[in-house]
Protein backbone atom coordinates (compact mmCIF):
# COMPACT_ATOMS: atom_id res chain seq x y z
CA MET A 1 -0.26 0.14 -0.29
CA VAL A 2 2.55 2.43 1.00
CA ASN A 3 4.60 1.97 -2.50
CA ASP A 4 1.20 2.42 -4.28
CA LEU A 5 1.11 5.75 -2.42
CA ASP A 6 4.72 6.73 -3.17
CA GLN A 7 4.03 5.97 -6.84
CA ILE A 8 0.96 8.28 -6.72
CA PHE A 9 3.08 11.07 -4.89
CA ASP A 10 5.98 10.64 -7.00
CA SER A 11 4.18 10.97 -10.43
CA ILE A 12 2.43 14.45 -8.91
CA ALA A 13 5.83 15.60 -8.12
CA LYS A 14 7.08 15.04 -11.37
CA LYS A 15 6.55 17.83 -14.29
CA GLY A 16 3.13 17.58 -15.35
CA VAL A 17 0.81 18.78 -18.23
CA PHE A 18 -0.07 22.00 -16.38
CA LYS A 19 2.05 25.56 -15.86
CA ASN A 20 -0.38 27.34 -13.99
CA LYS A 21 -3.83 25.45 -13.81
CA SER A 22 -5.57 28.71 -11.83
CA ILE A 23 -5.78 30.16 -15.15
CA LEU A 24 -8.53 27.32 -16.33
CA GLN A 25 -10.50 27.89 -12.79
CA SER A 26 -13.79 30.03 -12.70
CA ASN A 27 -12.54 32.40 -10.17
CA TYR A 28 -9.55 33.73 -12.47
CA ASN A 29 -10.28 37.14 -13.71
CA PRO A 30 -8.47 37.66 -17.24
CA GLU A 31 -7.00 41.05 -17.93
CA THR A 32 -9.07 41.11 -21.30
CA ILE A 33 -12.28 39.35 -22.09
CA PRO A 34 -12.47 38.17 -25.83
CA HIS A 35 -15.63 38.62 -27.63
CA ARG A 36 -17.44 40.87 -24.89
CA SER A 37 -16.22 44.25 -25.87
CA GLU A 38 -19.62 45.38 -27.03
CA GLN A 39 -21.27 44.23 -23.93
CA ILE A 40 -18.77 45.81 -21.49
CA LYS A 41 -18.88 49.08 -23.21
CA GLN A 42 -22.88 49.20 -22.98
CA ILE A 43 -22.24 48.62 -19.18
CA ALA A 44 -19.86 51.25 -18.74
CA SER A 45 -21.90 53.79 -20.56
CA ILE A 46 -24.75 52.99 -18.18
CA LEU A 47 -22.98 52.90 -14.86
CA ALA A 48 -20.11 55.94 -15.85
CA PRO A 49 -22.69 58.58 -14.05
CA VAL A 50 -22.04 57.05 -10.76
CA LEU A 51 -18.49 58.58 -10.99
CA LYS A 52 -19.90 61.95 -10.80
CA GLY A 53 -22.17 60.92 -7.82
CA GLU A 54 -25.20 60.54 -10.01
CA LYS A 55 -27.72 57.49 -9.66
CA THR A 56 -27.86 55.56 -12.89
CA SER A 57 -30.94 53.14 -14.17
CA ASN A 58 -30.92 49.79 -12.79
CA LEU A 59 -29.13 47.30 -15.04
CA PHE A 60 -30.08 43.64 -16.01
CA LEU A 61 -27.71 41.26 -17.48
CA TYR A 62 -29.12 38.16 -19.34
CA GLY A 63 -27.66 35.24 -20.75
CA LYS A 64 -27.07 31.39 -20.38
CA THR A 65 -24.46 30.12 -18.23
CA GLY A 66 -20.91 30.74 -19.02
CA THR A 67 -21.68 33.78 -21.43
CA GLY A 68 -19.36 36.29 -19.35
CA LYS A 69 -22.04 38.24 -17.81
CA THR A 70 -20.41 38.04 -14.29
CA LEU A 71 -17.07 38.46 -15.50
CA SER A 72 -17.97 41.35 -17.60
CA ILE A 73 -19.61 43.29 -14.80
CA GLN A 74 -16.67 42.50 -12.40
CA PHE A 75 -14.35 44.04 -14.96
CA VAL A 76 -16.24 47.18 -15.15
CA LYS A 77 -16.46 47.38 -11.41
CA GLU A 78 -12.85 47.29 -11.06
CA GLU A 79 -12.23 49.81 -13.91
CA LEU A 80 -14.95 52.11 -11.90
CA LEU A 81 -12.98 52.05 -8.47
CA ARG A 82 -9.93 52.24 -10.28
CA ARG A 83 -11.28 55.40 -11.61
CA PHE A 84 -13.05 56.90 -8.95
CA ASN A 85 -11.77 60.20 -7.49
CA GLN A 86 -11.34 59.71 -3.57
CA THR A 87 -11.14 63.30 -3.06
CA LEU A 88 -14.67 63.87 -4.10
CA ASP A 89 -17.60 64.78 -1.56
CA PHE A 90 -19.26 61.13 -1.88
CA ASP A 91 -18.32 57.56 -1.54
CA LEU A 92 -18.66 55.01 -4.15
CA ARG A 93 -19.20 51.18 -3.24
CA ILE A 94 -19.99 48.53 -5.29
CA GLU A 95 -20.99 45.24 -3.52
CA TYR A 96 -21.65 41.42 -5.29
CA LEU A 97 -23.80 38.93 -4.04
CA ASN A 98 -24.64 35.66 -5.54
CA CYS A 99 -27.90 35.01 -4.22
CA LYS A 100 -27.98 31.38 -5.29
CA LEU A 101 -25.65 30.34 -2.54
CA ARG A 102 -27.49 28.37 -0.15
CA LYS A 103 -26.92 30.45 3.23
CA VAL A 104 -28.64 33.59 1.30
CA SER A 105 -31.24 32.11 -1.29
CA ASP A 106 -33.80 30.97 1.32
CA THR A 107 -35.36 33.96 2.38
CA GLU A 108 -35.73 37.74 2.33
CA TYR A 109 -34.20 38.02 5.84
CA ARG A 110 -31.06 35.99 4.85
CA ILE A 111 -30.40 38.20 1.77
CA LEU A 112 -30.65 41.27 3.62
CA ALA A 113 -28.69 40.04 6.72
CA GLU A 114 -25.77 39.23 4.11
CA LEU A 115 -26.02 42.65 2.29
CA ILE A 116 -25.58 44.13 5.94
CA LYS A 117 -22.45 41.92 6.64
CA LYS A 118 -21.04 43.29 3.27
CA VAL A 119 -21.49 46.83 4.11
CA GLY A 120 -19.83 46.26 7.57
CA GLY A 121 -22.95 45.58 10.04
CA GLU A 122 -24.22 42.27 11.56
CA VAL A 123 -27.81 41.29 12.25
CA PRO A 124 -28.61 37.66 14.06
CA ALA A 125 -28.94 34.85 11.56
CA THR A 126 -32.73 34.77 12.37
CA GLY A 127 -35.29 36.10 14.97
CA LEU A 128 -35.71 39.68 14.01
CA PRO A 129 -38.89 40.95 12.15
CA THR A 130 -37.82 41.72 8.37
CA GLU A 131 -38.80 45.25 8.35
CA SER A 132 -36.42 45.60 11.58
CA VAL A 133 -33.71 43.93 9.10
CA TYR A 134 -34.80 46.44 6.31
CA ALA A 135 -34.23 49.25 8.87
CA LYS A 136 -30.81 48.32 10.08
CA PHE A 137 -29.46 48.17 6.36
CA ILE A 138 -30.74 51.67 5.93
CA GLU A 139 -29.02 52.90 8.96
CA ILE A 140 -25.86 51.50 7.90
CA ILE A 141 -25.83 52.69 4.13
CA ASP A 142 -27.39 56.10 5.01
CA SER A 143 -24.65 56.98 7.69
CA LYS A 144 -22.61 59.00 4.67
CA LYS A 145 -23.15 59.98 1.46
CA GLN A 146 -22.48 57.42 -1.10
CA ILE A 147 -23.41 55.56 -4.49
CA LEU A 148 -23.88 52.14 -3.84
CA ILE A 149 -24.14 49.64 -6.39
CA LEU A 150 -25.47 46.05 -5.49
CA ILE A 151 -24.79 43.37 -7.89
CA LEU A 152 -27.14 40.28 -7.58
CA ASP A 153 -26.00 37.19 -9.26
CA GLU A 154 -28.49 34.57 -9.95
CA ILE A 155 -31.41 37.17 -9.29
CA ASP A 156 -33.78 35.03 -10.99
CA GLN A 157 -33.38 32.02 -8.59
CA THR A 158 -33.91 34.25 -5.60
CA VAL A 159 -37.26 35.76 -7.06
CA LYS A 160 -38.51 32.58 -7.84
CA LYS A 161 -37.71 31.08 -4.48
CA ILE A 162 -38.90 34.18 -2.42
CA SER A 163 -41.09 36.76 -4.38
CA ASP A 164 -40.73 39.51 -6.51
CA GLY A 165 -41.58 41.88 -3.61
CA PHE A 166 -38.13 41.41 -2.50
CA LEU A 167 -37.18 43.49 -5.60
CA TYR A 168 -39.86 45.92 -5.29
CA ASN A 169 -38.71 46.45 -1.45
CA LEU A 170 -35.02 47.23 -2.63
CA THR A 171 -36.10 49.68 -5.43
CA ARG A 172 -38.43 51.67 -2.97
CA LEU A 173 -35.39 51.91 -0.62
CA ASN A 174 -34.02 55.25 -2.31
CA SER A 175 -37.02 57.13 -1.16
CA GLU A 176 -35.99 56.34 2.54
CA LEU A 177 -32.44 57.50 1.94
CA SER A 178 -31.24 60.96 2.39
CA LYS A 179 -27.59 60.53 1.75
CA THR A 180 -27.10 57.43 -0.25
CA GLN A 181 -28.71 56.20 -3.73
CA ILE A 182 -28.56 52.51 -4.57
CA CYS A 183 -28.38 51.53 -8.13
CA ILE A 184 -29.14 47.34 -8.72
CA VAL A 185 -27.26 45.10 -11.38
CA GLY A 186 -29.01 41.80 -11.70
CA ILE A 187 -27.65 38.93 -13.48
CA SER A 188 -30.20 36.20 -14.73
CA ASN A 189 -29.67 33.30 -16.65
CA ASP A 190 -33.59 33.41 -17.65
CA LEU A 191 -34.21 35.61 -20.45
CA THR A 192 -38.02 35.84 -19.69
CA PHE A 193 -37.43 36.52 -16.11
CA LEU A 194 -38.76 39.79 -15.90
CA ASP A 195 -41.56 39.25 -18.03
CA GLU A 196 -43.10 37.03 -15.19
CA ILE A 197 -42.79 39.43 -12.45
CA ASP A 198 -45.74 41.76 -11.10
CA PRO A 199 -45.96 44.67 -13.73
CA ARG A 200 -45.72 47.26 -10.58
CA VAL A 201 -42.28 45.66 -9.48
CA ARG A 202 -41.21 45.79 -13.16
CA SER A 203 -42.34 49.66 -13.18
CA SER A 204 -40.29 50.45 -9.99
CA LEU A 205 -37.14 49.18 -11.39
CA GLY A 206 -37.02 51.42 -14.60
CA GLU A 207 -34.08 49.10 -15.69
CA GLU A 208 -31.82 48.83 -18.60
CA GLU A 209 -31.43 45.47 -20.42
CA ILE A 210 -28.18 44.08 -21.81
CA VAL A 211 -28.28 40.48 -23.48
CA PHE A 212 -25.27 38.19 -23.81
CA PRO A 213 -25.21 35.93 -26.59
CA PRO A 214 -23.81 32.58 -26.17
CA TYR A 215 -20.31 32.06 -27.61
CA ASN A 216 -20.00 29.99 -30.71
CA ALA A 217 -17.64 27.17 -31.46
CA LEU A 218 -14.91 29.28 -33.06
CA GLN A 219 -15.17 32.18 -30.05
CA LEU A 220 -14.74 29.38 -27.72
CA GLN A 221 -11.69 27.91 -29.55
CA ASP A 222 -10.25 31.29 -29.32
CA ILE A 223 -10.85 31.84 -25.40
CA LEU A 224 -9.60 28.12 -24.87
CA SER A 225 -6.41 28.97 -26.93
CA LYS A 226 -5.49 32.09 -25.29
CA ARG A 227 -5.90 30.58 -21.76
CA SER A 228 -4.20 27.31 -22.75
CA GLU A 229 -0.71 29.28 -23.53
CA ILE A 230 -0.65 30.02 -20.04
CA ALA A 231 -2.25 27.22 -18.56
CA PHE A 232 -0.39 24.05 -19.64
CA ASN A 233 3.33 23.46 -20.81
CA GLN A 234 4.20 23.73 -24.27
CA GLY A 235 3.17 20.74 -26.70
CA VAL A 236 1.21 18.75 -24.03
CA LEU A 237 -2.21 19.07 -25.86
CA GLU A 238 -3.10 16.45 -28.53
CA ASP A 239 -4.32 17.94 -31.88
CA GLY A 240 -7.79 18.42 -31.93
CA VAL A 241 -8.15 18.67 -28.03
CA ILE A 242 -9.35 22.64 -28.08
CA ALA A 243 -11.57 22.05 -31.02
CA LYS A 244 -13.22 19.12 -29.14
CA CYS A 245 -13.50 21.15 -25.90
CA ALA A 246 -14.87 23.98 -27.93
CA ALA A 247 -17.59 21.61 -29.78
CA PHE A 248 -18.94 20.37 -26.28
CA ALA A 249 -19.08 23.78 -24.86
CA ALA A 250 -21.08 24.90 -27.79
CA ARG A 251 -23.60 22.19 -27.77
CA GLU A 252 -24.41 23.34 -24.17
CA HIS A 253 -25.54 26.85 -25.08
CA GLY A 254 -21.80 28.36 -26.00
CA ASP A 255 -20.93 27.86 -22.35
CA ALA A 256 -17.30 29.19 -21.72
CA ARG A 257 -16.95 28.00 -18.16
CA ARG A 258 -18.08 24.43 -19.24
CA ALA A 259 -15.42 24.53 -21.83
CA LEU A 260 -12.41 25.83 -19.42
CA ASP A 261 -13.92 23.05 -16.91
CA LEU A 262 -13.54 20.56 -19.33
CA LEU A 263 -10.11 21.35 -20.14
CA ARG A 264 -8.89 21.71 -16.81
CA ILE A 265 -10.44 18.50 -15.56
CA ALA A 266 -8.86 16.44 -18.66
CA GLY A 267 -5.60 17.77 -17.89
CA GLU A 268 -6.04 16.54 -14.25
CA LEU A 269 -6.97 13.08 -15.96
CA ALA A 270 -4.07 13.23 -17.90
CA GLU A 271 -1.38 13.74 -15.05
CA ARG A 272 -3.41 10.93 -13.20
CA ASP A 273 -2.79 8.62 -16.15
CA ASN A 274 0.74 9.80 -16.05
CA SER A 275 0.49 10.78 -19.49
CA SER A 276 2.65 13.71 -21.01
CA LYS A 277 -0.24 14.79 -23.10
CA VAL A 278 -3.99 15.91 -22.86
CA MET A 279 -5.47 13.50 -25.27
CA LEU A 280 -8.83 13.48 -26.74
CA LYS A 281 -10.09 10.32 -24.58
CA HIS A 282 -9.28 12.40 -21.56
CA ILE A 283 -11.94 14.94 -22.92
CA ASP A 284 -14.38 12.15 -23.17
CA GLU A 285 -13.53 11.23 -19.73
CA ALA A 286 -13.88 14.89 -18.53
CA ASN A 287 -17.38 15.36 -19.99
CA ASN A 288 -18.64 12.35 -18.38
CA LYS A 289 -17.25 13.48 -14.79
CA ILE A 290 -18.77 16.92 -15.30
CA GLU A 291 -22.30 15.75 -15.89
CA LYS A 292 -21.92 13.56 -12.86
CA ASP A 293 -20.42 16.74 -10.57
CA LYS A 294 -23.18 19.18 -11.95
CA ILE A 295 -26.05 17.02 -10.46
CA LEU A 296 -24.65 16.94 -7.22
CA ASP A 297 -23.50 20.67 -7.15
CA VAL A 298 -27.15 21.44 -8.01
CA ILE A 299 -28.17 19.41 -5.02
CA LYS A 300 -25.72 20.83 -2.90
CA THR A 301 -26.51 24.47 -3.30
CA GLU A 302 -30.39 24.05 -3.50
CA PRO A 303 -32.45 25.11 -0.49
CA LYS A 304 -33.71 22.83 1.94
CA GLN A 305 -37.28 22.63 0.19
CA PHE A 306 -35.76 21.49 -2.83
CA GLN A 307 -33.68 18.88 -0.86
CA ILE A 308 -36.63 17.50 0.97
CA VAL A 309 -38.78 16.79 -2.21
CA LEU A 310 -35.92 15.22 -3.70
CA LYS A 311 -35.34 13.02 -0.45
CA SER A 312 -39.22 12.19 -0.95
CA ILE A 313 -38.58 10.80 -4.48
CA ILE A 314 -35.41 8.82 -3.60
CA ASP A 315 -37.06 7.45 -0.54
CA LEU A 316 -40.17 6.86 -2.38
CA ASN A 317 -38.50 5.21 -5.37
CA GLU A 318 -36.07 2.83 -2.86
CA ARG A 319 -39.46 1.39 -1.07
CA LYS A 320 -41.47 0.89 -4.17
CA LYS A 321 -42.08 -2.56 -5.56
CA ASN A 322 -40.79 -3.90 -8.75
CA ASP A 323 -43.58 -2.46 -11.20
CA GLU A 324 -45.31 -0.01 -8.98
CA LEU A 325 -45.26 4.04 -10.15
CA ILE A 326 -44.59 6.84 -8.34
CA PHE A 327 -47.01 10.04 -8.87
CA THR A 328 -46.50 13.52 -7.95
CA GLY A 329 -49.31 13.21 -5.39
CA ASP A 330 -47.36 10.43 -3.64
CA VAL A 331 -44.29 12.55 -3.72
CA TYR A 332 -46.38 15.31 -2.08
CA ASN A 333 -47.91 13.27 0.42
CA TYR A 334 -44.56 12.00 1.38
CA TYR A 335 -42.92 15.45 1.51
CA GLN A 336 -45.82 16.73 3.82
CA ASP A 337 -44.74 14.17 6.52
CA LEU A 338 -40.92 14.94 6.14
CA CYS A 339 -41.35 18.77 6.79
CA PRO A 340 -42.24 18.48 10.71
CA ARG A 341 -39.30 16.34 11.26
CA TYR A 342 -36.76 18.98 9.46
CA LYS A 343 -38.82 22.21 11.06
CA VAL A 344 -39.53 23.52 7.69
CA GLU A 345 -43.20 24.84 6.97
CA VAL A 346 -45.03 22.82 4.28
CA LEU A 347 -45.19 24.45 0.71
CA THR A 348 -48.23 24.09 -1.47
CA GLN A 349 -48.83 21.06 -3.81
CA ARG A 350 -48.47 23.79 -6.71
CA ARG A 351 -45.15 24.86 -5.51
CA VAL A 352 -44.00 21.29 -5.07
CA SER A 353 -45.09 20.53 -8.54
CA ASP A 354 -42.62 23.47 -9.78
CA ILE A 355 -40.00 22.16 -8.14
CA ILE A 356 -40.25 18.55 -9.56
CA GLN A 357 -40.75 20.19 -13.04
CA GLU A 358 -37.12 22.20 -12.31
CA PHE A 359 -35.87 18.74 -11.22
CA ASP A 360 -36.97 17.42 -14.55
CA MET A 361 -35.38 20.05 -16.50
CA LEU A 362 -31.88 19.21 -14.55
CA GLY A 363 -32.00 15.76 -15.65
CA ILE A 364 -32.39 14.66 -11.99
CA ILE A 365 -35.83 12.90 -12.80
CA ASN A 366 -37.84 12.07 -15.81
CA VAL A 367 -41.56 13.12 -15.35
CA ARG A 368 -44.16 11.50 -17.94
CA VAL A 369 -47.87 12.47 -18.31
CA ILE A 370 -50.15 9.49 -18.33
CA SER A 371 -53.80 10.08 -19.24
CA LYS A 372 -56.04 8.36 -16.88
CA GLY A 373 -59.29 8.89 -19.23
CA ARG A 374 -62.14 10.72 -17.45
CA GLY A 375 -59.81 10.39 -14.06
CA GLY A 376 -57.72 13.09 -15.71
CA ARG A 377 -53.93 13.22 -16.07
CA MET A 378 -51.11 12.12 -13.84
CA ARG A 379 -47.40 12.70 -13.80
CA GLU A 380 -45.26 9.64 -13.20
CA ILE A 381 -41.93 10.57 -11.78
CA ARG A 382 -38.78 8.26 -12.20
CA LEU A 383 -35.39 8.91 -10.98
CA ALA A 384 -32.87 9.78 -14.29
CA ILE A 385 -29.46 9.46 -11.96
CA SER A 386 -27.39 6.43 -11.51
CA LYS A 387 -27.05 4.51 -8.51
CA ASN A 388 -23.59 5.78 -7.52
CA ILE A 389 -25.00 9.41 -7.93
CA ILE A 390 -28.13 8.61 -5.69
CA GLU A 391 -26.10 7.32 -2.92
CA LYS A 392 -23.84 10.43 -2.96
CA ALA A 393 -26.97 12.73 -3.20
CA LYS A 394 -28.20 10.84 -0.15
CA HIS A 395 -25.19 11.79 1.67
CA ILE A 396 -25.23 15.30 0.81
CA ILE A 397 -29.36 15.82 1.61
CA ASN A 398 -28.89 13.99 4.80
CA GLU A 399 -25.72 16.01 5.98
CA THR A 400 -27.53 19.55 5.13
CA LEU A 401 -30.86 18.54 6.44
CA ASN A 402 -29.33 17.16 10.00
């Protein structure tokens, strides 16, 4: 056993395929952002008045995952802060919050608590009326003259899980502030997100919109080529590796993040194989691994309500007899029994049906509508993930809920 471990550690100690792996990771901020100059210029022109102390329109950035939305707004953020004149009689503050993180996505209270933490305050994790938390937020940010830009990533997820009232309340804060003005930059993967909210809320936003189109295969190849020159040692990529990565990602709505993950994981798999080159087979292996990891990551980051619904489906699937079918009603009844155990409120059957639909869209389950004639229609639910992933999912859910 010791000899086996020595071989593993010795192979890692040798010169591998990577020169700087961090270049391919999602938290890396490149100095230039290829194929997004038009969108960056639009963002900059909308937000530029804050440099003079003027409140700008609220801004919403739309586009599929991995189309450069967050990267572009972060780039403009850094440039605004760099250009801001510290001698002016007001301050400029720009705060970023990913609304999909589990610790902030469940309730309006938690999002506000996280925003308060970012601006230097603190409130208890639970226990105060939401109105009191808003009052605390106003008290902190209105203590001096400033422009506050709030960048809210994955904002559509929050509105779906809480309500569009949260957005409305944020936009109305400006009327209660005497020294500070708030500007909201929302980032959403859902292009129809604002179409579905209350017209009064949309009217209060008074927003500008910028759409980020998916990258095509050639653009993805360009992005990968530039990053790979810095990330890998020379000559380690087999011919066709970058093109195959780009083709996979272009198929997935032009997701540059997925393309970079594919290339990085393929490099890691090559090193584990003691291979001196990243080969086409490593791309296929990396693609399979990402599919599994993506599902587990979704399960890990979803709120408790989602996890309890999924636990209900998994438990019912394990208890059923050979040809027995599971329907939405069965899941809801089981879910109702689980909620008191984990001290969460019971959602309506319609909301649980929406959650089930989301799991179907993510490929975690398959939902099939069965006609019962005069008895109406029922939705049959089957798990669509392997036994290996189910076991890991159960472990994640139990760890979180307990």
